[in-house]
Protein backbone atom coordinates (compact mmCIF):
# COMPACT_ATOMS: atom_id res chain seq x y z
CA MET A 1 0.00 0.00 0.00
CA PRO A 2 1.53 3.35 -1.01
CA HIS A 3 2.35 5.73 1.77
CA ARG A 4 1.07 9.30 1.45
CA LYS A 5 2.58 12.23 3.21
CA PRO A 6 0.13 13.66 5.74
CA HIS A 7 0.92 17.23 4.71
CA PRO A 8 1.70 18.11 1.11
CA GLY A 9 5.06 19.69 0.58
CA PRO A 10 6.29 22.24 -1.91
CA PRO A 11 6.36 19.93 -4.98
CA GLU A 12 2.64 19.27 -4.65
CA TYR A 13 1.87 22.97 -4.32
CA ASP A 14 4.21 23.78 -7.20
CA ARG A 15 2.26 21.33 -9.37
CA LEU A 16 -1.01 22.94 -8.33
CA VAL A 17 0.27 26.42 -9.20
CA THR A 18 1.63 25.19 -12.54
CA CYS A 19 -1.70 23.54 -13.38
CA PHE A 20 -3.58 26.69 -12.40
CA HIS A 21 -1.35 28.77 -14.67
CA THR A 22 -1.80 26.29 -17.55
CA LEU A 23 -5.54 26.46 -17.01
CA GLY A 24 -5.46 30.24 -17.32
CA VAL A 25 -3.50 30.03 -20.56
CA ALA A 26 -5.94 27.44 -21.98
CA ARG A 27 -8.91 29.64 -21.07
CA ALA A 28 -7.28 32.65 -22.76
CA GLN A 29 -6.57 30.63 -25.91
CA LEU A 30 -10.18 29.47 -26.15
CA ARG A 31 -11.38 33.03 -25.62
CA ALA A 32 -9.10 34.20 -28.43
CA GLU A 33 -10.43 31.47 -30.74
CA ARG A 34 -14.01 32.48 -29.96
CA ASP A 35 -13.20 36.11 -30.75
CA ALA A 36 -11.55 35.08 -34.03
CA ARG A 37 -14.73 33.14 -34.93
CA ARG A 38 -12.84 30.23 -36.48
CA GLY A 39 -14.40 26.85 -35.88
CA LEU A 40 -11.48 24.50 -36.54
CA ASP A 41 -9.07 25.88 -33.96
CA LYS A 42 -11.87 26.23 -31.41
CA GLN A 43 -12.18 22.44 -31.11
CA ALA A 44 -8.46 22.10 -30.42
CA ALA A 45 -8.63 24.92 -27.87
CA ARG A 46 -11.55 23.18 -26.14
CA GLY A 47 -9.53 19.97 -25.99
CA ASP A 48 -6.57 21.82 -24.48
CA LEU A 49 -8.87 23.43 -21.93
CA LEU A 50 -10.39 20.07 -21.00
CA LEU A 51 -6.93 18.61 -20.47
CA ALA A 52 -5.91 21.58 -18.32
CA LEU A 53 -9.10 21.30 -16.26
CA GLU A 54 -8.55 17.59 -15.67
CA GLN A 55 -4.91 18.12 -14.68
CA TYR A 56 -5.90 20.89 -12.28
CA ALA A 57 -8.60 18.71 -10.70
CA SER A 58 -6.07 15.90 -10.36
CA ALA A 59 -3.58 18.22 -8.64
CA ILE A 60 -6.27 19.30 -6.20
CA ALA A 61 -7.27 15.69 -5.47
CA ASP A 62 -3.61 14.72 -4.95
CA LEU A 63 -3.50 17.29 -2.15
CA ASN A 64 -6.39 15.39 -0.52
CA ALA A 65 -8.56 18.47 -1.00
CA PRO A 66 -12.10 18.39 -2.39
CA VAL A 67 -12.46 19.28 -6.07
CA PRO A 68 -14.92 22.18 -6.34
CA ARG A 69 -18.31 21.37 -7.85
CA ARG A 70 -17.97 24.17 -10.37
CA LEU A 71 -14.73 22.65 -11.65
CA LYS A 72 -16.33 19.22 -11.92
CA ALA A 73 -19.27 20.76 -13.81
CA GLU A 74 -16.95 22.54 -16.22
CA ILE A 75 -15.05 19.31 -16.90
CA LEU A 76 -18.33 17.53 -17.60
CA LEU A 77 -19.42 20.34 -19.94
CA TYR A 78 -16.26 20.19 -22.03
CA ARG A 79 -16.35 16.37 -22.11
CA ARG A 80 -19.87 16.56 -23.52
CA LEU A 81 -18.88 19.22 -26.05
CA LYS A 82 -16.03 16.98 -27.16
CA GLU A 83 -18.47 14.13 -27.84
CA ARG A 84 -20.69 16.32 -30.02
CA PRO A 85 -20.27 16.00 -33.78
């Protein structure tokens, strides 16, 4: 059985901060694609945002913290959009 540290140290927090930054960049890229009104790059930007959201949620869970409902809902939204034709 793997042993978890009771209190997360700096590497875990560094990962969380990095994921949060990546999430911000992905959101900005999707916003730019929406403003440009191009459909092809928008799908790729949505995929990048979904990946960033999932990585951020994973970093939160690895800290043994609850993943916010709003974040879970956003992940579900972008998963459903990905499945749409």
